[in-house]
Protein backbone atom coordinates (compact mmCIF):
# COMPACT_ATOMS: atom_id res chain seq x y z
CA MET A 1 0.00 0.00 0.00
CA LYS A 2 1.22 3.52 -0.82
CA PHE A 3 -0.12 6.89 0.18
CA SER A 4 -1.70 8.85 -2.67
CA HIS A 5 0.67 11.42 -4.12
CA VAL A 6 -1.21 14.46 -5.39
CA ILE A 7 1.16 17.31 -6.09
CA PHE A 8 0.15 20.74 -4.95
CA VAL A 9 2.89 22.52 -6.91
CA GLY A 10 2.81 26.00 -5.41
CA LEU A 11 2.70 24.88 -1.78
CA VAL A 12 5.13 22.01 -2.13
CA LEU A 13 7.72 24.11 -3.95
CA MET A 14 7.81 26.51 -1.02
CA LEU A 15 9.50 23.71 0.89
CA LEU A 16 11.59 22.12 -1.82
CA LEU A 17 14.30 24.73 -2.01
CA GLY A 18 16.53 23.31 -4.70
CA GLY A 19 20.17 23.68 -5.64
CA CYS A 20 23.39 23.62 -3.71
CA SER A 21 25.82 25.77 -5.70
CA GLN A 22 28.23 27.66 -3.52
CA ALA A 23 28.16 31.45 -3.67
CA ALA A 24 31.46 32.81 -4.95
CA PRO A 25 33.40 35.45 -2.99
CA VAL A 26 32.35 39.03 -3.56
CA GLU A 27 34.44 41.07 -5.94
CA LYS A 28 34.99 44.77 -5.32
CA GLY A 29 36.55 47.31 -7.59
CA SER A 30 35.86 50.88 -8.56
CA GLY A 31 33.54 52.56 -11.00
CA GLN A 32 30.48 51.02 -12.64
CA GLY A 33 29.33 47.75 -11.06
CA ALA A 34 31.91 47.96 -8.27
CA LEU A 35 30.16 45.25 -6.23
CA LYS A 36 29.94 41.90 -8.03
CA ILE A 37 28.28 38.87 -6.45
CA LYS A 38 27.69 35.38 -7.85
CA ASP A 39 24.41 33.82 -6.75
CA PHE A 40 23.58 30.12 -6.32
CA SER A 41 22.62 29.76 -9.98
CA GLY A 42 26.10 30.87 -11.06
CA ARG A 43 24.97 34.27 -12.36
CA THR A 44 27.07 37.34 -11.54
CA LEU A 45 25.13 40.39 -10.37
CA SER A 46 26.71 43.86 -10.37
CA PHE A 47 25.80 46.76 -8.10
CA GLU A 48 27.18 50.27 -7.70
CA ASP A 49 27.17 49.74 -3.94
CA SER A 50 25.48 47.56 -1.32
CA PRO A 51 21.75 47.51 -2.18
CA GLN A 52 19.61 49.69 0.06
CA ARG A 53 16.16 48.74 -1.23
CA ILE A 54 15.65 44.97 -1.00
CA VAL A 55 12.54 42.90 -1.65
CA SER A 56 12.51 39.35 -0.25
CA LEU A 57 10.19 36.66 -1.56
CA SER A 58 10.73 34.43 1.50
CA THR A 59 10.87 34.82 5.27
CA GLY A 60 14.02 32.68 5.43
CA ASP A 61 15.99 35.20 3.37
CA MET A 62 14.48 38.01 5.46
CA SER A 63 15.59 36.28 8.65
CA ILE A 64 19.19 36.28 7.51
CA LEU A 65 19.09 39.90 6.31
CA TYR A 66 17.70 41.16 9.61
CA ALA A 67 20.15 39.06 11.63
CA LEU A 68 22.96 40.82 9.73
CA GLY A 69 21.52 44.27 10.40
CA GLY A 70 19.71 44.74 7.10
CA GLU A 71 16.04 45.25 6.30
CA VAL A 72 13.61 44.96 3.41
CA VAL A 73 11.10 47.25 1.70
CA GLY A 74 8.94 44.35 0.50
CA ARG A 75 8.15 40.96 2.04
CA PRO A 76 5.97 37.87 1.46
CA VAL A 77 2.46 37.66 2.92
CA ALA A 78 3.49 34.69 5.07
CA GLU A 79 3.08 34.91 8.84
CA LEU A 80 6.28 36.29 10.33
CA PRO A 81 8.21 34.41 13.04
CA ASP A 82 8.92 36.14 16.35
CA SER A 83 12.39 37.15 15.15
CA LEU A 84 10.89 39.27 12.36
CA GLN A 85 8.08 41.06 14.18
CA GLN A 86 9.81 44.41 13.55
CA ALA A 87 9.03 43.89 9.85
CA THR A 88 5.26 43.49 10.33
CA SER A 89 4.49 46.87 8.74
CA VAL A 90 6.64 46.24 5.66
CA GLN A 91 4.71 46.16 2.38
CA THR A 92 3.62 42.64 1.39
CA ILE A 93 4.08 41.65 -2.26
CA GLY A 94 2.54 38.17 -2.53
CA THR A 95 4.30 34.84 -2.23
CA THR A 96 7.42 33.21 -3.60
CA HIS A 97 5.47 31.49 -6.35
CA GLN A 98 2.94 34.28 -7.02
CA PHE A 99 4.06 37.85 -6.43
CA ASP A 100 2.58 41.20 -7.50
CA VAL A 101 4.92 42.69 -10.12
CA GLU A 102 3.24 46.11 -9.98
CA LEU A 103 3.68 46.31 -6.22
CA ILE A 104 7.33 45.31 -6.46
CA THR A 105 7.86 47.89 -9.22
CA SER A 106 6.38 50.62 -7.01
CA LEU A 107 8.94 49.78 -4.29
CA LYS A 108 11.84 50.48 -6.71
CA PRO A 109 14.04 47.65 -5.38
CA ASP A 110 17.76 47.49 -6.06
CA VAL A 111 17.51 43.70 -5.77
CA VAL A 112 14.86 41.01 -5.30
CA LEU A 113 15.77 37.84 -3.39
CA GLY A 114 14.25 34.64 -4.75
CA ASN A 115 14.53 30.87 -4.77
CA GLU A 116 16.72 29.24 -7.41
CA GLN A 117 14.32 26.40 -8.23
CA LEU A 118 11.11 28.38 -8.15
CA ASN A 119 12.07 31.83 -9.41
CA SER A 120 14.60 31.20 -12.18
CA LYS A 121 11.74 31.72 -14.64
CA ASP A 122 11.18 35.21 -13.22
CA ILE A 123 14.63 36.66 -14.03
CA SER A 124 13.44 38.52 -17.13
CA ILE A 125 10.37 39.87 -15.31
CA ILE A 126 12.44 41.40 -12.52
CA GLU A 127 15.08 42.70 -14.91
CA GLY A 128 12.23 44.23 -16.93
CA ILE A 129 11.30 46.50 -14.03
CA GLY A 130 14.90 47.72 -13.70
CA SER A 131 15.96 45.49 -10.80
CA GLN A 132 17.97 42.27 -10.39
CA LEU A 133 16.93 38.84 -9.10
CA LEU A 134 19.39 37.14 -6.75
CA LEU A 135 18.72 33.40 -6.43
CA THR A 136 19.60 31.14 -3.50
CA SER A 137 18.34 27.87 -1.99
CA ALA A 138 18.44 25.85 1.23
CA ASN A 139 18.57 22.07 1.07
CA SER A 140 21.00 21.80 4.00
CA VAL A 141 22.39 23.78 6.90
CA LYS A 142 25.52 24.37 4.82
CA ASP A 143 23.32 25.96 2.15
CA ILE A 144 21.90 28.33 4.77
CA GLN A 145 25.44 29.20 5.81
CA ARG A 146 26.27 29.93 2.16
CA GLN A 147 23.26 32.24 2.08
CA ILE A 148 24.56 34.01 5.17
CA THR A 149 27.96 34.51 3.54
CA LEU A 150 26.40 35.78 0.31
CA PHE A 151 24.07 38.22 2.06
CA GLY A 152 26.96 39.40 4.21
CA ASP A 153 28.81 40.26 1.01
CA LEU A 154 25.70 41.93 -0.41
CA LEU A 155 25.21 44.15 2.63
CA GLY A 156 28.88 44.75 3.39
CA LYS A 157 28.37 42.86 6.69
CA GLN A 158 31.02 40.19 6.21
CA GLN A 159 32.13 40.15 9.84
CA LYS A 160 28.57 39.72 11.12
CA ALA A 161 28.08 36.91 8.60
CA LYS A 162 31.24 35.15 9.79
CA ALA A 163 30.14 35.51 13.41
CA LEU A 164 26.68 34.08 12.68
CA ASN A 165 28.13 31.14 10.77
CA LYS A 166 30.52 30.51 13.64
CA GLN A 167 27.55 30.37 16.05
CA ILE A 168 25.85 27.80 13.82
CA ASP A 169 29.03 25.70 13.64
CA GLN A 170 29.34 25.82 17.42
CA ARG A 171 25.69 24.84 17.88
CA LYS A 172 26.17 21.82 15.62
CA LYS A 173 29.19 20.73 17.67
CA GLN A 174 27.21 21.10 20.92
CA VAL A 175 24.50 18.65 19.88
CA LYS A 176 24.19 15.84 22.40
CA GLN A 177 23.62 12.65 20.48
CA PRO A 178 20.68 10.53 21.70
CA GLN A 179 21.58 7.82 24.21
CA LYS A 180 19.94 5.26 21.96
CA LYS A 181 18.91 5.18 18.31
CA VAL A 182 15.61 6.95 17.64
CA LYS A 183 14.15 5.67 14.37
CA THR A 184 12.39 8.64 12.80
CA LEU A 185 10.15 9.35 9.84
CA VAL A 186 9.92 13.00 8.79
CA VAL A 187 6.86 13.69 6.65
CA TYR A 188 6.06 16.73 4.58
CA GLY A 189 2.30 17.08 4.40
CA ALA A 190 -0.36 19.03 2.57
CA PRO A 191 -3.98 17.87 2.28
CA GLY A 192 -3.79 14.69 0.18
CA THR A 193 0.00 14.80 -0.17
CA TYR A 194 2.48 13.04 2.12
CA MET A 195 6.16 12.62 1.32
CA ALA A 196 9.11 11.34 3.35
CA ALA A 197 12.08 13.68 3.80
CA LEU A 198 15.35 12.22 2.50
CA PRO A 199 18.84 13.04 3.87
CA GLN A 200 19.40 15.50 0.99
CA SER A 201 16.52 17.70 2.17
CA LEU A 202 16.95 20.46 4.75
CA SER A 203 14.80 18.63 7.31
CA GLY A 204 16.68 15.41 6.61
CA ASP A 205 19.98 17.20 7.16
CA LEU A 206 18.70 18.72 10.40
CA LEU A 207 17.59 15.29 11.61
CA HIS A 208 21.07 13.91 10.88
CA ILE A 209 22.75 16.77 12.76
CA ALA A 210 20.45 16.22 15.77
CA GLY A 211 21.37 12.53 15.85
CA GLY A 212 18.17 10.97 14.56
CA THR A 213 17.99 7.86 12.35
CA ASN A 214 16.06 8.53 9.14
CA ILE A 215 14.16 5.37 8.22
CA ALA A 216 13.56 6.71 4.68
CA GLU A 217 17.23 7.30 3.86
CA ASN A 218 17.40 4.50 1.27
CA GLU A 219 14.06 5.22 -0.41
CA PRO A 220 14.13 6.31 -4.09
CA ALA A 221 13.82 10.05 -4.63
CA LEU A 222 10.85 11.51 -6.46
CA GLU A 223 11.78 12.73 -9.93
CA LYS A 224 10.27 16.19 -9.55
CA PHE A 225 11.20 16.60 -5.90
CA PRO A 226 14.51 14.76 -5.35
CA GLN A 227 14.73 15.78 -1.69
CA TYR A 228 11.67 13.61 -0.93
CA ALA A 229 10.35 10.09 -1.45
CA GLN A 230 6.87 8.66 -1.77
CA ILE A 231 5.84 7.02 1.49
CA ASN A 232 5.66 3.23 1.30
CA ALA A 233 3.43 2.09 4.14
CA GLU A 234 4.74 -1.49 4.15
CA LYS A 235 8.35 -0.33 4.49
CA VAL A 236 7.45 2.15 7.22
CA ILE A 237 5.63 -0.53 9.17
CA GLU A 238 8.60 -2.86 8.77
CA ALA A 239 11.05 -0.16 9.94
CA ASP A 240 8.79 0.57 12.95
CA PRO A 241 9.74 4.23 13.64
CA ASP A 242 9.81 5.46 17.23
CA LEU A 243 8.90 8.97 16.12
CA ILE A 244 6.92 10.42 13.21
CA LEU A 245 7.37 14.15 12.66
CA LEU A 246 4.98 16.10 10.45
CA MET A 247 5.98 19.37 8.84
CA THR A 248 3.73 21.58 6.75
CA HIS A 249 3.60 25.09 5.40
CA SER A 250 0.08 25.71 6.74
CA ASN A 251 -2.96 24.12 8.42
CA PRO A 252 -0.90 21.75 10.63
CA GLU A 253 -3.87 20.24 12.47
CA ASP A 254 -5.64 19.48 9.18
CA VAL A 255 -2.50 17.83 7.85
CA LYS A 256 -2.15 15.69 10.97
CA ALA A 257 -5.83 14.70 10.84
CA GLY A 258 -5.44 13.71 7.19
CA PHE A 259 -2.30 11.73 7.90
CA MET A 260 -3.93 9.85 10.76
CA SER A 261 -6.92 9.13 8.52
CA GLU A 262 -4.61 7.66 5.87
CA MET A 263 -2.99 5.43 8.48
CA LYS A 264 -6.36 4.07 9.61
CA GLN A 265 -6.80 2.56 6.14
CA ASN A 266 -4.12 0.01 7.07
CA ALA A 267 -4.65 -1.56 10.49
CA ALA A 268 -0.97 -2.56 10.63
CA TRP A 269 -0.09 1.09 11.30
CA HIS A 270 -1.62 0.71 14.76
CA ASP A 271 1.31 -1.51 15.77
CA VAL A 272 3.95 1.04 14.73
CA SER A 273 5.73 2.24 17.87
CA ALA A 274 5.28 5.94 17.11
CA VAL A 275 1.52 5.50 16.64
CA LYS A 276 1.08 3.10 19.55
CA HIS A 277 2.81 5.48 21.98
CA GLY A 278 1.38 8.74 20.64
CA HIS A 279 4.59 10.00 19.09
CA VAL A 280 3.14 11.44 15.88
CA GLU A 281 4.04 15.11 16.31
CA ILE A 282 3.81 18.37 14.37
CA LEU A 283 6.95 20.45 13.90
CA PRO A 284 6.79 24.28 14.11
CA SER A 285 5.98 25.58 10.62
CA ASP A 286 8.26 28.62 10.92
CA LEU A 287 11.24 26.32 11.47
CA PHE A 288 10.39 23.34 9.26
CA GLY A 289 7.62 24.39 6.88
CA THR A 290 10.08 26.63 5.06
CA ASN A 291 13.70 27.79 5.23
CA PRO A 292 14.24 29.01 8.83
CA GLY A 293 17.18 31.21 7.83
CA ALA A 294 19.06 32.59 10.81
CA ASP A 295 16.67 30.68 13.12
CA VAL A 296 18.18 27.36 11.98
CA MET A 297 19.76 26.91 15.41
CA ARG A 298 16.28 26.85 16.92
CA ALA A 299 15.36 24.10 14.46
CA ILE A 300 18.31 22.05 15.75
CA ASP A 301 17.15 22.74 19.33
CA GLU A 302 13.66 21.49 18.48
CA LEU A 303 14.82 18.18 17.04
CA GLU A 304 17.43 17.60 19.74
CA LYS A 305 14.75 18.08 22.42
CA ARG A 306 12.34 15.61 20.82
CA LEU A 307 15.00 12.95 20.21
CA LYS A 308 16.37 13.30 23.74
CA ARG A 309 12.93 12.78 25.22
CA LEU A 310 12.53 9.44 23.45
CA SER A 311 16.06 8.17 24.01
CA SER A 312 16.30 8.78 27.76
């Protein structure tokens, strides 16, 4: 038996932040285009100076900018995490996959920050309004650290970027590995869609860092979404996870209810340890439903806490 796999493209792509190219060091010179930065897609963007008017299509990118002392003039309509409450009054411009070009034009941005996988098609649109589209992605903690380095170069905040990356490195080293193996299934969910996070996804990487054992690590990747696999109920039941973690971009309770309903279709799920002991849990959407940006250390905290509870 397999869960149905109905793709909700816009919502799912918000989570599947593709690509892993490393941002090249910033180049500085004098005269026209003195600041040159290579984004994750390998394109070189030139600026007269550090951009002052920035539009961000995601809260993850915003999180990093604000942590480095920057700010934006345009932001997504998504609910802001606690770390970005000072940006509540900033003009909203839509979502990563559906933004208002006229609104962005009115903000006269020097640069728009987008996702490599989702927004590559929008390069000509943004260039057409006299701005530039800088593309990044986050399929791992290292990717987030590359973003931090790139945005530090963009803002002229290289020292702050180095300090933030050092904090993340230190937090990773401080992780206390579980006393015993905690077999874990991490599920991305939207109504009617359930996929298992693989090690090459951001959530899979976070689980590895926190010391969890990903029972889906050897499952074949989906062609369109290579960071995820279709859930195979028989294999999950055989692996008998101790913990099932649900992550979603929105409507977490609905997603959990739908997931539990799917499980009821196969009575064998009732004998899975995580189900039997009530360890089917929802992860915070601001940390796992999208790129957490500078809050990635809190995401590590969250997983470490849950794994520790089950291993003690």
